[in-house]
């Protein structure tokens, strides 16, 4: 996890197993009330629970009025999200508001 003023960057592990999900949730709690960029280019395996956690965070940040986006989602992450029928804009790079 790295921080710039008002922006938190989280890098996902290649395998989003239960241990990685615990770490992700901890990092997301620390990042509340900031814009979040999730770097997901290295993801090779992703569980349904991990996608649910990311989707929940995305929806929470949006409802709070903060930016949240997944940068450079790996093909594995894109395929898993599509398979579960997640919203198309979930993995769309929305950009960060100034």
PDB file of N, CA and C in Angstrom:
ATOM      1  N   UNK A   1       0.864  -1.168   0.000  1.00  0.00           N
ATOM      2  CA  UNK A   1       0.000   0.000   0.000  1.00  0.00           C
ATOM      3  C   UNK A   1       0.902   1.220   0.000  1.00  0.00           C
ATOM      4  N   UNK A   2       0.592   2.184  -0.880  1.00  0.00           N
ATOM      5  CA  UNK A   2       1.324   3.444  -0.889  1.00  0.00           C
ATOM      6  C   UNK A   2       0.325   4.584  -0.917  1.00  0.00           C
ATOM      7  N   UNK A   3       0.759   5.706  -0.395  1.00  0.00           N
ATOM      8  CA  UNK A   3      -0.130   6.848  -0.290  1.00  0.00           C
ATOM      9  C   UNK A   3       0.480   8.074  -0.940  1.00  0.00           C
ATOM     10  N   UNK A   4      -0.339   8.813  -1.652  1.00  0.00           N
ATOM     11  CA  UNK A   4      -0.056  10.163  -2.107  1.00  0.00           C
ATOM     12  C   UNK A   4      -1.080  11.013  -1.387  1.00  0.00           C
ATOM     13  N   UNK A   5      -0.913  12.317  -1.366  1.00  0.00           N
ATOM     14  CA  UNK A   5      -1.901  13.140  -0.665  1.00  0.00           C
ATOM     15  C   UNK A   5      -3.327  12.868  -1.174  1.00  0.00           C
ATOM     16  N   UNK A   6      -4.163  12.299  -0.308  1.00  0.00           N
ATOM     17  CA  UNK A   6      -5.552  12.045  -0.647  1.00  0.00           C
ATOM     18  C   UNK A   6      -5.813  10.852  -1.531  1.00  0.00           C
ATOM     19  N   UNK A   7      -4.759  10.125  -1.944  1.00  0.00           N
ATOM     20  CA  UNK A   7      -4.910   8.962  -2.818  1.00  0.00           C
ATOM     21  C   UNK A   7      -4.161   7.785  -2.197  1.00  0.00           C
ATOM     22  N   UNK A   8      -4.830   6.645  -2.123  1.00  0.00           N
ATOM     23  CA  UNK A   8      -4.194   5.422  -1.639  1.00  0.00           C
ATOM     24  C   UNK A   8      -4.100   4.443  -2.795  1.00  0.00           C
ATOM     25  N   UNK A   9      -2.918   3.861  -2.991  1.00  0.00           N
ATOM     26  CA  UNK A   9      -2.714   2.861  -4.033  1.00  0.00           C
ATOM     27  C   UNK A   9      -2.510   1.512  -3.375  1.00  0.00           C
ATOM     28  N   UNK A  10      -3.313   0.540  -3.779  1.00  0.00           N
ATOM     29  CA  UNK A  10      -3.215  -0.819  -3.270  1.00  0.00           C
ATOM     30  C   UNK A  10      -2.822  -1.739  -4.414  1.00  0.00           C
ATOM     31  N   UNK A  11      -1.802  -2.569  -4.200  1.00  0.00           N
ATOM     32  CA  UNK A  11      -1.387  -3.536  -5.227  1.00  0.00           C
ATOM     33  C   UNK A  11      -1.882  -4.917  -4.807  1.00  0.00           C
ATOM     34  N   UNK A  12      -2.663  -5.540  -5.683  1.00  0.00           N
ATOM     35  CA  UNK A  12      -3.193  -6.865  -5.387  1.00  0.00           C
ATOM     36  C   UNK A  12      -2.145  -7.937  -5.634  1.00  0.00           C
ATOM     37  N   UNK A  13      -2.191  -8.968  -4.820  1.00  0.00           N
ATOM     38  CA  UNK A  13      -1.310 -10.128  -4.991  1.00  0.00           C
ATOM     39  C   UNK A  13      -1.719 -10.919  -6.235  1.00  0.00           C
ATOM     40  N   UNK A  14      -0.802 -11.725  -6.775  1.00  0.00           N
ATOM     41  CA  UNK A  14      -1.151 -12.559  -7.926  1.00  0.00           C
ATOM     42  C   UNK A  14      -2.264 -13.564  -7.624  1.00  0.00           C
ATOM     43  N   UNK A  15      -2.321 -14.051  -6.382  1.00  0.00           N
ATOM     44  CA  UNK A  15      -3.372 -14.993  -5.999  1.00  0.00           C
ATOM     45  C   UNK A  15      -4.181 -14.374  -4.866  1.00  0.00           C
ATOM     46  N   UNK A  16      -5.455 -14.131  -5.129  1.00  0.00           N
ATOM     47  CA  UNK A  16      -6.329 -13.541  -4.113  1.00  0.00           C
ATOM     48  C   UNK A  16      -7.011 -14.658  -3.323  1.00  0.00           C
ATOM     49  N   UNK A  17      -6.215 -15.296  -2.459  1.00  0.00           N
ATOM     50  CA  UNK A  17      -6.695 -16.359  -1.582  1.00  0.00           C
ATOM     51  C   UNK A  17      -7.186 -15.734  -0.270  1.00  0.00           C
ATOM     52  N   UNK A  18      -7.691 -16.534   0.661  1.00  0.00           N
ATOM     53  CA  UNK A  18      -8.213 -15.965   1.915  1.00  0.00           C
ATOM     54  C   UNK A  18      -7.220 -15.090   2.675  1.00  0.00           C
ATOM     55  N   UNK A  19      -5.951 -15.445   2.669  1.00  0.00           N
ATOM     56  CA  UNK A  19      -4.947 -14.621   3.350  1.00  0.00           C
ATOM     57  C   UNK A  19      -4.836 -13.252   2.680  1.00  0.00           C
ATOM     58  N   UNK A  20      -4.839 -13.235   1.368  1.00  0.00           N
ATOM     59  CA  UNK A  20      -4.749 -11.967   0.633  1.00  0.00           C
ATOM     60  C   UNK A  20      -5.992 -11.120   0.854  1.00  0.00           C
ATOM     61  N   UNK A  21      -7.133 -11.757   0.999  1.00  0.00           N
ATOM     62  CA  UNK A  21      -8.380 -11.017   1.222  1.00  0.00           C
ATOM     63  C   UNK A  21      -8.341 -10.318   2.572  1.00  0.00           C
ATOM     64  N   UNK A  22      -7.841 -11.000   3.600  1.00  0.00           N
ATOM     65  CA  UNK A  22      -7.706 -10.378   4.920  1.00  0.00           C
ATOM     66  C   UNK A  22      -6.840  -9.130   4.841  1.00  0.00           C
ATOM     67  N   UNK A  23      -5.727  -9.232   4.127  1.00  0.00           N
ATOM     68  CA  UNK A  23      -4.828  -8.095   3.953  1.00  0.00           C
ATOM     69  C   UNK A  23      -5.518  -6.970   3.172  1.00  0.00           C
ATOM     70  N   UNK A  24      -6.233  -7.334   2.119  1.00  0.00           N
ATOM     71  CA  UNK A  24      -6.945  -6.349   1.314  1.00  0.00           C
ATOM     72  C   UNK A  24      -7.980  -5.604   2.156  1.00  0.00           C
ATOM     73  N   UNK A  25      -8.751  -6.345   2.931  1.00  0.00           N
ATOM     74  CA  UNK A  25      -9.769  -5.701   3.770  1.00  0.00           C
ATOM     75  C   UNK A  25      -9.139  -4.772   4.803  1.00  0.00           C
ATOM     76  N   UNK A  26      -8.033  -5.187   5.389  1.00  0.00           N
ATOM     77  CA  UNK A  26      -7.322  -4.333   6.346  1.00  0.00           C
ATOM     78  C   UNK A  26      -6.856  -3.039   5.660  1.00  0.00           C
ATOM     79  N   UNK A  27      -6.282  -3.174   4.462  1.00  0.00           N
ATOM     80  CA  UNK A  27      -5.805  -1.997   3.727  1.00  0.00           C
ATOM     81  C   UNK A  27      -6.956  -1.087   3.312  1.00  0.00           C
ATOM     82  N   UNK A  28      -8.078  -1.690   2.930  1.00  0.00           N
ATOM     83  CA  UNK A  28      -9.236  -0.875   2.550  1.00  0.00           C
ATOM     84  C   UNK A  28      -9.781  -0.093   3.743  1.00  0.00           C
ATOM     85  N   UNK A  29      -9.802  -0.717   4.911  1.00  0.00           N
ATOM     86  CA  UNK A  29     -10.257   0.003   6.106  1.00  0.00           C
ATOM     87  C   UNK A  29      -9.353   1.208   6.387  1.00  0.00           C
ATOM     88  N   UNK A  30      -8.056   1.035   6.215  1.00  0.00           N
ATOM     89  CA  UNK A  30      -7.106   2.136   6.427  1.00  0.00           C
ATOM     90  C   UNK A  30      -7.290   3.247   5.391  1.00  0.00           C
ATOM     91  N   UNK A  31      -7.793   2.897   4.220  1.00  0.00           N
ATOM     92  CA  UNK A  31      -7.896   3.851   3.107  1.00  0.00           C
ATOM     93  C   UNK A  31      -9.220   4.600   3.060  1.00  0.00           C
ATOM     94  N   UNK A  32     -10.115   4.350   4.002  1.00  0.00           N
ATOM     95  CA  UNK A  32     -11.415   5.040   3.989  1.00  0.00           C
ATOM     96  C   UNK A  32     -11.214   6.542   3.926  1.00  0.00           C
ATOM     97  N   UNK A  33     -12.124   7.185   3.226  1.00  0.00           N
ATOM     98  CA  UNK A  33     -12.134   8.639   3.063  1.00  0.00           C
ATOM     99  C   UNK A  33     -10.965   9.165   2.241  1.00  0.00           C
ATOM    100  N   UNK A  34     -10.386   8.308   1.409  1.00  0.00           N
ATOM    101  CA  UNK A  34      -9.391   8.739   0.424  1.00  0.00           C
ATOM    102  C   UNK A  34      -9.801   8.146  -0.922  1.00  0.00           C
ATOM    103  N   UNK A  35      -9.274   8.692  -1.984  1.00  0.00           N
ATOM    104  CA  UNK A  35      -9.430   8.061  -3.297  1.00  0.00           C
ATOM    105  C   UNK A  35      -8.552   6.807  -3.298  1.00  0.00           C
ATOM    106  N   UNK A  36      -9.008   5.761  -3.974  1.00  0.00           N
ATOM    107  CA  UNK A  36      -8.258   4.502  -4.000  1.00  0.00           C
ATOM    108  C   UNK A  36      -8.029   4.055  -5.438  1.00  0.00           C
ATOM    109  N   UNK A  37      -6.786   3.671  -5.705  1.00  0.00           N
ATOM    110  CA  UNK A  37      -6.411   3.037  -6.962  1.00  0.00           C
ATOM    111  C   UNK A  37      -5.947   1.630  -6.608  1.00  0.00           C
ATOM    112  N   UNK A  38      -6.597   0.633  -7.188  1.00  0.00           N
ATOM    113  CA  UNK A  38      -6.224  -0.755  -6.955  1.00  0.00           C
ATOM    114  C   UNK A  38      -5.461  -1.236  -8.179  1.00  0.00           C
ATOM    115  N   UNK A  39      -4.178  -1.524  -8.001  1.00  0.00           N
ATOM    116  CA  UNK A  39      -3.351  -2.028  -9.092  1.00  0.00           C
ATOM    117  C   UNK A  39      -3.540  -3.533  -9.170  1.00  0.00           C
ATOM    118  N   UNK A  40      -4.158  -3.986 -10.265  1.00  0.00           N
ATOM    119  CA  UNK A  40      -4.581  -5.383 -10.370  1.00  0.00           C
ATOM    120  C   UNK A  40      -3.970  -6.119 -11.556  1.00  0.00           C
ATOM    121  N   UNK A  41      -2.893  -5.613 -12.103  1.00  0.00           N
ATOM    122  CA  UNK A  41      -2.298  -6.219 -13.282  1.00  0.00           C
ATOM    123  C   UNK A  41      -1.626  -7.554 -13.048  1.00  0.00           C
ATOM    124  N   UNK A  42      -1.263  -7.860 -11.783  1.00  0.00           N
ATOM    125  CA  UNK A  42      -0.555  -9.103 -11.482  1.00  0.00           C
ATOM    126  C   UNK A  42      -1.483 -10.246 -11.094  1.00  0.00           C
ATOM    127  N   UNK A  43      -2.781  -9.989 -11.000  1.00  0.00           N
ATOM    128  CA  UNK A  43      -3.715 -11.012 -10.523  1.00  0.00           C
ATOM    129  C   UNK A  43      -3.817 -12.149 -11.538  1.00  0.00           C
ATOM    130  N   UNK A  44      -3.498 -13.365 -11.070  1.00  0.00           N
ATOM    131  CA  UNK A  44      -3.604 -14.553 -11.923  1.00  0.00           C
ATOM    132  C   UNK A  44      -4.753 -15.450 -11.482  1.00  0.00           C
ATOM    133  N   UNK A  45      -5.062 -15.420 -10.176  1.00  0.00           N
ATOM    134  CA  UNK A  45      -6.163 -16.219  -9.631  1.00  0.00           C
ATOM    135  C   UNK A  45      -6.957 -15.346  -8.688  1.00  0.00           C
ATOM    136  N   UNK A  46      -8.277 -15.433  -8.799  1.00  0.00           N
ATOM    137  CA  UNK A  46      -9.129 -14.598  -7.955  1.00  0.00           C
ATOM    138  C   UNK A  46     -10.334 -15.416  -7.505  1.00  0.00           C
ATOM    139  N   UNK A  47     -10.662 -15.290  -6.236  1.00  0.00           N
ATOM    140  CA  UNK A  47     -11.821 -16.001  -5.707  1.00  0.00           C
ATOM    141  C   UNK A  47     -13.056 -15.111  -5.785  1.00  0.00           C
ATOM    142  N   UNK A  48     -14.196 -15.734  -5.707  1.00  0.00           N
ATOM    143  CA  UNK A  48     -15.458 -14.994  -5.698  1.00  0.00           C
ATOM    144  C   UNK A  48     -15.514 -14.047  -4.505  1.00  0.00           C
ATOM    145  N   UNK A  49     -15.022 -14.499  -3.356  1.00  0.00           N
ATOM    146  CA  UNK A  49     -15.027 -13.661  -2.149  1.00  0.00           C
ATOM    147  C   UNK A  49     -14.181 -12.406  -2.359  1.00  0.00           C
ATOM    148  N   UNK A  50     -13.053 -12.536  -3.038  1.00  0.00           N
ATOM    149  CA  UNK A  50     -12.209 -11.371  -3.306  1.00  0.00           C
ATOM    150  C   UNK A  50     -12.934 -10.377  -4.206  1.00  0.00           C
ATOM    151  N   UNK A  51     -13.603 -10.882  -5.223  1.00  0.00           N
ATOM    152  CA  UNK A  51     -14.364  -9.988  -6.101  1.00  0.00           C
ATOM    153  C   UNK A  51     -15.506  -9.316  -5.350  1.00  0.00           C
ATOM    154  N   UNK A  52     -16.153 -10.042  -4.461  1.00  0.00           N
ATOM    155  CA  UNK A  52     -17.215  -9.451  -3.653  1.00  0.00           C
ATOM    156  C   UNK A  52     -16.661  -8.339  -2.762  1.00  0.00           C
ATOM    157  N   UNK A  53     -15.492  -8.557  -2.194  1.00  0.00           N
ATOM    158  CA  UNK A  53     -14.873  -7.529  -1.343  1.00  0.00           C
ATOM    159  C   UNK A  53     -14.538  -6.279  -2.153  1.00  0.00           C
ATOM    160  N   UNK A  54     -13.981  -6.475  -3.336  1.00  0.00           N
ATOM    161  CA  UNK A  54     -13.652  -5.327  -4.194  1.00  0.00           C
ATOM    162  C   UNK A  54     -14.909  -4.599  -4.655  1.00  0.00           C
ATOM    163  N   UNK A  55     -15.936  -5.353  -5.023  1.00  0.00           N
ATOM    164  CA  UNK A  55     -17.185  -4.733  -5.464  1.00  0.00           C
ATOM    165  C   UNK A  55     -17.825  -3.948  -4.321  1.00  0.00           C
ATOM    166  N   UNK A  56     -17.820  -4.515  -3.137  1.00  0.00           N
ATOM    167  CA  UNK A  56     -18.379  -3.822  -1.972  1.00  0.00           C
ATOM    168  C   UNK A  56     -17.624  -2.526  -1.704  1.00  0.00           C
ATOM    169  N   UNK A  57     -16.299  -2.580  -1.777  1.00  0.00           N
ATOM    170  CA  UNK A  57     -15.493  -1.371  -1.568  1.00  0.00           C
ATOM    171  C   UNK A  57     -15.798  -0.332  -2.644  1.00  0.00           C
ATOM    172  N   UNK A  58     -15.871  -0.765  -3.896  1.00  0.00           N
ATOM    173  CA  UNK A  58     -16.167   0.145  -5.010  1.00  0.00           C
ATOM    174  C   UNK A  58     -17.497   0.854  -4.785  1.00  0.00           C
ATOM    175  N   UNK A  59     -18.508   0.081  -4.377  1.00  0.00           N
ATOM    176  CA  UNK A  59     -19.829   0.670  -4.143  1.00  0.00           C
ATOM    177  C   UNK A  59     -19.808   1.612  -2.936  1.00  0.00           C
ATOM    178  N   UNK A  60     -19.095   1.239  -1.892  1.00  0.00           N
ATOM    179  CA  UNK A  60     -19.004   2.077  -0.691  1.00  0.00           C
ATOM    180  C   UNK A  60     -18.312   3.391  -1.001  1.00  0.00           C
ATOM    181  N   UNK A  61     -17.181   3.325  -1.697  1.00  0.00           N
ATOM    182  CA  UNK A  61     -16.444   4.555  -2.029  1.00  0.00           C
ATOM    183  C   UNK A  61     -17.310   5.470  -2.896  1.00  0.00           C
ATOM    184  N   UNK A  62     -17.984   4.889  -3.874  1.00  0.00           N
ATOM    185  CA  UNK A  62     -18.838   5.705  -4.744  1.00  0.00           C
ATOM    186  C   UNK A  62     -19.946   6.371  -3.942  1.00  0.00           C
ATOM    187  N   UNK A  63     -20.573   5.621  -3.023  1.00  0.00           N
ATOM    188  CA  UNK A  63     -21.662   6.223  -2.234  1.00  0.00           C
ATOM    189  C   UNK A  63     -21.140   7.278  -1.274  1.00  0.00           C
ATOM    190  N   UNK A  64     -19.877   7.163  -0.867  1.00  0.00           N
ATOM    191  CA  UNK A  64     -19.253   8.163   0.005  1.00  0.00           C
ATOM    192  C   UNK A  64     -18.743   9.374  -0.769  1.00  0.00           C
ATOM    193  N   UNK A  65     -18.788   9.306  -2.109  1.00  0.00           N
ATOM    194  CA  UNK A  65     -18.316  10.413  -2.927  1.00  0.00           C
ATOM    195  C   UNK A  65     -16.822  10.423  -3.159  1.00  0.00           C
ATOM    196  N   UNK A  66     -16.179   9.266  -2.993  1.00  0.00           N
ATOM    197  CA  UNK A  66     -14.735   9.168  -3.226  1.00  0.00           C
ATOM    198  C   UNK A  66     -14.467   8.306  -4.456  1.00  0.00           C
ATOM    199  N   UNK A  67     -13.369   8.591  -5.135  1.00  0.00           N
ATOM    200  CA  UNK A  67     -12.984   7.807  -6.304  1.00  0.00           C
ATOM    201  C   UNK A  67     -12.413   6.460  -5.882  1.00  0.00           C
ATOM    202  N   UNK A  68     -12.738   5.440  -6.653  1.00  0.00           N
ATOM    203  CA  UNK A  68     -12.221   4.089  -6.435  1.00  0.00           C
ATOM    204  C   UNK A  68     -12.161   3.438  -7.800  1.00  0.00           C
ATOM    205  N   UNK A  69     -10.975   3.061  -8.214  1.00  0.00           N
ATOM    206  CA  UNK A  69     -10.928   2.334  -9.484  1.00  0.00           C
ATOM    207  C   UNK A  69      -9.820   1.302  -9.502  1.00  0.00           C
ATOM    208  N   UNK A  70     -10.027   0.334 -10.360  1.00  0.00           N
ATOM    209  CA  UNK A  70      -9.090  -0.756 -10.541  1.00  0.00           C
ATOM    210  C   UNK A  70      -8.266  -0.434 -11.779  1.00  0.00           C
ATOM    211  N   UNK A  71      -6.963  -0.309 -11.581  1.00  0.00           N
ATOM    212  CA  UNK A  71      -6.065   0.053 -12.675  1.00  0.00           C
ATOM    213  C   UNK A  71      -5.492  -1.206 -13.320  1.00  0.00           C
ATOM    214  N   UNK A  72      -5.508  -1.233 -14.628  1.00  0.00           N
ATOM    215  CA  UNK A  72      -4.873  -2.297 -15.409  1.00  0.00           C
ATOM    216  C   UNK A  72      -5.266  -3.684 -14.924  1.00  0.00           C
ATOM    217  N   UNK A  73      -6.552  -3.946 -14.847  1.00  0.00           N
ATOM    218  CA  UNK A  73      -7.020  -5.266 -14.407  1.00  0.00           C
ATOM    219  C   UNK A  73      -6.481  -6.357 -15.321  1.00  0.00           C
ATOM    220  N   UNK A  74      -5.976  -7.400 -14.698  1.00  0.00           N
ATOM    221  CA  UNK A  74      -5.432  -8.523 -15.462  1.00  0.00           C
ATOM    222  C   UNK A  74      -6.557  -9.257 -16.204  1.00  0.00           C
ATOM    223  N   UNK A  75      -6.211  -9.999 -17.248  1.00  0.00           N
ATOM    224  CA  UNK A  75      -7.226 -10.790 -17.941  1.00  0.00           C
ATOM    225  C   UNK A  75      -7.962 -11.751 -17.000  1.00  0.00           C
ATOM    226  N   UNK A  76      -7.266 -12.328 -16.033  1.00  0.00           N
ATOM    227  CA  UNK A  76      -7.911 -13.249 -15.086  1.00  0.00           C
ATOM    228  C   UNK A  76      -8.971 -12.527 -14.268  1.00  0.00           C
ATOM    229  N   UNK A  77      -8.681 -11.304 -13.846  1.00  0.00           N
ATOM    230  CA  UNK A  77      -9.640 -10.540 -13.054  1.00  0.00           C
ATOM    231  C   UNK A  77     -10.831 -10.113 -13.914  1.00  0.00           C
ATOM    232  N   UNK A  78     -10.566  -9.670 -15.119  1.00  0.00           N
ATOM    233  CA  UNK A  78     -11.635  -9.261 -16.044  1.00  0.00           C
ATOM    234  C   UNK A  78     -12.551 -10.444 -16.346  1.00  0.00           C
ATOM    235  N   UNK A  79     -11.952 -11.605 -16.625  1.00  0.00           N
ATOM    236  CA  UNK A  79     -12.745 -12.794 -16.934  1.00  0.00           C
ATOM    237  C   UNK A  79     -13.608 -13.217 -15.745  1.00  0.00           C
ATOM    238  N   UNK A  80     -13.029 -13.204 -14.539  1.00  0.00           N
ATOM    239  CA  UNK A  80     -13.777 -13.606 -13.349  1.00  0.00           C
ATOM    240  C   UNK A  80     -14.927 -12.642 -13.078  1.00  0.00           C
ATOM    241  N   UNK A  81     -14.681 -11.357 -13.243  1.00  0.00           N
ATOM    242  CA  UNK A  81     -15.743 -10.360 -13.020  1.00  0.00           C
ATOM    243  C   UNK A  81     -16.875 -10.548 -14.029  1.00  0.00           C
ATOM    244  N   UNK A  82     -16.521 -10.810 -15.283  1.00  0.00           N
ATOM    245  CA  UNK A  82     -17.543 -11.028 -16.312  1.00  0.00           C
ATOM    246  C   UNK A  82     -18.331 -12.303 -16.034  1.00  0.00           C
ATOM    247  N   UNK A  83     -17.642 -13.340 -15.607  1.00  0.00           N
ATOM    248  CA  UNK A  83     -18.292 -14.610 -15.303  1.00  0.00           C
ATOM    249  C   UNK A  83     -19.327 -14.458 -14.188  1.00  0.00           C
ATOM    250  N   UNK A  84     -19.043 -13.594 -13.228  1.00  0.00           N
ATOM    251  CA  UNK A  84     -19.967 -13.358 -12.118  1.00  0.00           C
ATOM    252  C   UNK A  84     -21.018 -12.303 -12.444  1.00  0.00           C
ATOM    253  N   UNK A  85     -20.905 -11.688 -13.617  1.00  0.00           N
ATOM    254  CA  UNK A  85     -21.901 -10.692 -14.021  1.00  0.00           C
ATOM    255  C   UNK A  85     -21.783  -9.378 -13.278  1.00  0.00           C
ATOM    256  N   UNK A  86     -20.569  -9.018 -12.862  1.00  0.00           N
ATOM    257  CA  UNK A  86     -20.382  -7.752 -12.163  1.00  0.00           C
ATOM    258  C   UNK A  86     -20.588  -6.588 -13.122  1.00  0.00           C
ATOM    259  N   UNK A  87     -20.950  -5.417 -12.609  1.00  0.00           N
ATOM    260  CA  UNK A  87     -21.193  -4.262 -13.488  1.00  0.00           C
ATOM    261  C   UNK A  87     -19.983  -3.967 -14.370  1.00  0.00           C
ATOM    262  N   UNK A  88     -20.250  -3.613 -15.617  1.00  0.00           N
ATOM    263  CA  UNK A  88     -19.161  -3.355 -16.570  1.00  0.00           C
ATOM    264  C   UNK A  88     -18.247  -2.228 -16.104  1.00  0.00           C
ATOM    265  N   UNK A  89     -18.816  -1.217 -15.461  1.00  0.00           N
ATOM    266  CA  UNK A  89     -17.977  -0.085 -15.053  1.00  0.00           C
ATOM    267  C   UNK A  89     -17.186  -0.361 -13.780  1.00  0.00           C
ATOM    268  N   UNK A  90     -17.368  -1.527 -13.174  1.00  0.00           N
ATOM    269  CA  UNK A  90     -16.601  -1.900 -11.992  1.00  0.00           C
ATOM    270  C   UNK A  90     -15.107  -1.891 -12.284  1.00  0.00           C
ATOM    271  N   UNK A  91     -14.708  -2.389 -13.441  1.00  0.00           N
ATOM    272  CA  UNK A  91     -13.294  -2.437 -13.793  1.00  0.00           C
ATOM    273  C   UNK A  91     -12.901  -1.341 -14.774  1.00  0.00           C
ATOM    274  N   UNK A  92     -13.799  -0.415 -15.066  1.00  0.00           N
ATOM    275  CA  UNK A  92     -13.480   0.685 -15.976  1.00  0.00           C
ATOM    276  C   UNK A  92     -12.661   1.726 -15.236  1.00  0.00           C
ATOM    277  N   UNK A  93     -11.655   2.189 -15.886  1.00  0.00           N
ATOM    278  CA  UNK A  93     -10.811   3.220 -15.272  1.00  0.00           C
ATOM    279  C   UNK A  93     -11.572   4.548 -15.360  1.00  0.00           C
ATOM    280  N   UNK A  94     -12.023   5.024 -14.212  1.00  0.00           N
ATOM    281  CA  UNK A  94     -12.804   6.247 -14.167  1.00  0.00           C
ATOM    282  C   UNK A  94     -11.943   7.495 -14.038  1.00  0.00           C
ATOM    283  N   UNK A  95     -10.717   7.332 -13.610  1.00  0.00           N
ATOM    284  CA  UNK A  95      -9.870   8.490 -13.373  1.00  0.00           C
ATOM    285  C   UNK A  95     -10.168   9.091 -12.022  1.00  0.00           C
ATOM    286  N   UNK A  96      -9.266   9.871 -11.543  1.00  0.00           N
ATOM    287  CA  UNK A  96      -9.416  10.481 -10.230  1.00  0.00           C
ATOM    288  C   UNK A  96      -9.782  11.931 -10.378  1.00  0.00           C
ATOM    289  N   UNK A  97     -10.711  12.367  -9.569  1.00  0.00           N
ATOM    290  CA  UNK A  97     -11.103  13.780  -9.569  1.00  0.00           C
ATOM    291  C   UNK A  97     -10.007  14.613  -8.946  1.00  0.00           C
ATOM    292  N   UNK A  98      -9.849  15.800  -9.432  1.00  0.00           N
ATOM    293  CA  UNK A  98      -8.825  16.694  -8.870  1.00  0.00           C
ATOM    294  C   UNK A  98      -9.354  17.400  -7.653  1.00  0.00           C
TER     295      UNK A  98
END
